């Protein structure tokens, strides 16, 4: 982001503009979001233990009734 500001504040050709910056940031942000979701999601999915993916309820013991009321 600093390089964008330096390029816009310094002497630059007419091809450097706020519209060009917005155009670049749009595609970079979308690409990073999609690639990050794919690669990070795949990594976490593969690294997760298999026992967490199965829906198992914890074992419960029945409550014992005491003889006193």
Protein backbone atom coordinates (compact mmCIF):
# COMPACT_ATOMS: atom_id res chain seq x y z
CA UNK A 1 0.00 0.00 0.00
CA UNK A 2 2.88 2.37 0.68
CA UNK A 3 4.16 1.95 -2.87
CA UNK A 4 0.72 2.93 -4.22
CA UNK A 5 0.77 6.14 -2.18
CA UNK A 6 4.36 6.96 -3.16
CA UNK A 7 3.52 6.37 -6.83
CA UNK A 8 0.44 8.60 -6.63
CA UNK A 9 2.16 11.44 -4.70
CA UNK A 10 5.40 11.48 -6.69
CA UNK A 11 5.94 12.29 -10.33
CA UNK A 12 4.30 9.59 -12.39
CA UNK A 13 3.05 8.97 -15.90
CA UNK A 14 -0.59 9.48 -16.76
CA UNK A 15 -1.18 5.72 -16.61
CA UNK A 16 -0.83 5.76 -12.79
CA UNK A 17 -4.19 6.78 -11.32
CA UNK A 18 -6.63 6.06 -8.51
CA UNK A 19 -8.83 4.14 -10.94
CA UNK A 20 -5.87 1.94 -11.91
CA UNK A 21 -5.07 1.37 -8.24
CA UNK A 22 -8.68 0.37 -7.51
CA UNK A 23 -8.68 -1.96 -10.52
CA UNK A 24 -5.49 -3.70 -9.35
CA UNK A 25 -6.64 -3.96 -5.74
CA UNK A 26 -9.99 -5.46 -6.78
CA UNK A 27 -8.42 -8.37 -8.66
CA UNK A 28 -5.63 -8.88 -6.14
CA UNK A 29 -8.11 -8.99 -3.25
CA UNK A 30 -10.41 -11.45 -5.02
CA UNK A 31 -7.50 -13.69 -6.00
CA UNK A 32 -6.04 -13.68 -2.48
CA UNK A 33 -9.44 -14.44 -0.92
CA UNK A 34 -10.16 -17.35 -3.24
CA UNK A 35 -6.66 -18.84 -3.13
CA UNK A 36 -6.42 -18.38 0.62
CA UNK A 37 -9.76 -20.08 1.19
CA UNK A 38 -8.79 -22.96 -1.09
CA UNK A 39 -5.27 -23.57 0.17
CA UNK A 40 -5.83 -22.80 3.84
CA UNK A 41 -9.16 -24.63 3.90
CA UNK A 42 -7.64 -27.67 2.23
CA UNK A 43 -4.72 -27.67 4.65
CA UNK A 44 -6.93 -27.46 7.72
CA UNK A 45 -9.30 -30.09 6.31
CA UNK A 46 -6.46 -32.53 5.67
CA UNK A 47 -4.81 -31.84 9.03
CA UNK A 48 -7.97 -32.28 11.11
CA UNK A 49 -8.10 -35.62 12.93
CA UNK A 50 -10.65 -38.05 11.56
CA UNK A 51 -12.33 -38.45 14.95
CA UNK A 52 -13.47 -34.84 14.88
CA UNK A 53 -15.23 -35.28 11.56
CA UNK A 54 -17.43 -38.14 12.79
CA UNK A 55 -20.51 -37.16 14.73
CA UNK A 56 -20.16 -39.09 17.96
CA UNK A 57 -21.91 -38.32 21.20
CA UNK A 58 -19.94 -38.55 24.43
CA UNK A 59 -20.61 -41.58 26.56
CA UNK A 60 -23.05 -40.92 29.37
CA UNK A 61 -23.67 -42.97 32.48
CA UNK A 62 -27.15 -43.37 33.92
CA UNK A 63 -27.83 -41.48 37.12
CA UNK A 64 -28.01 -43.81 40.10
CA UNK A 65 -30.86 -43.22 42.48
CA UNK A 66 -30.03 -43.06 46.14
CA UNK A 67 -32.25 -44.88 48.67
CA UNK A 68 -32.99 -41.70 50.64
CA UNK A 69 -35.79 -39.34 49.85
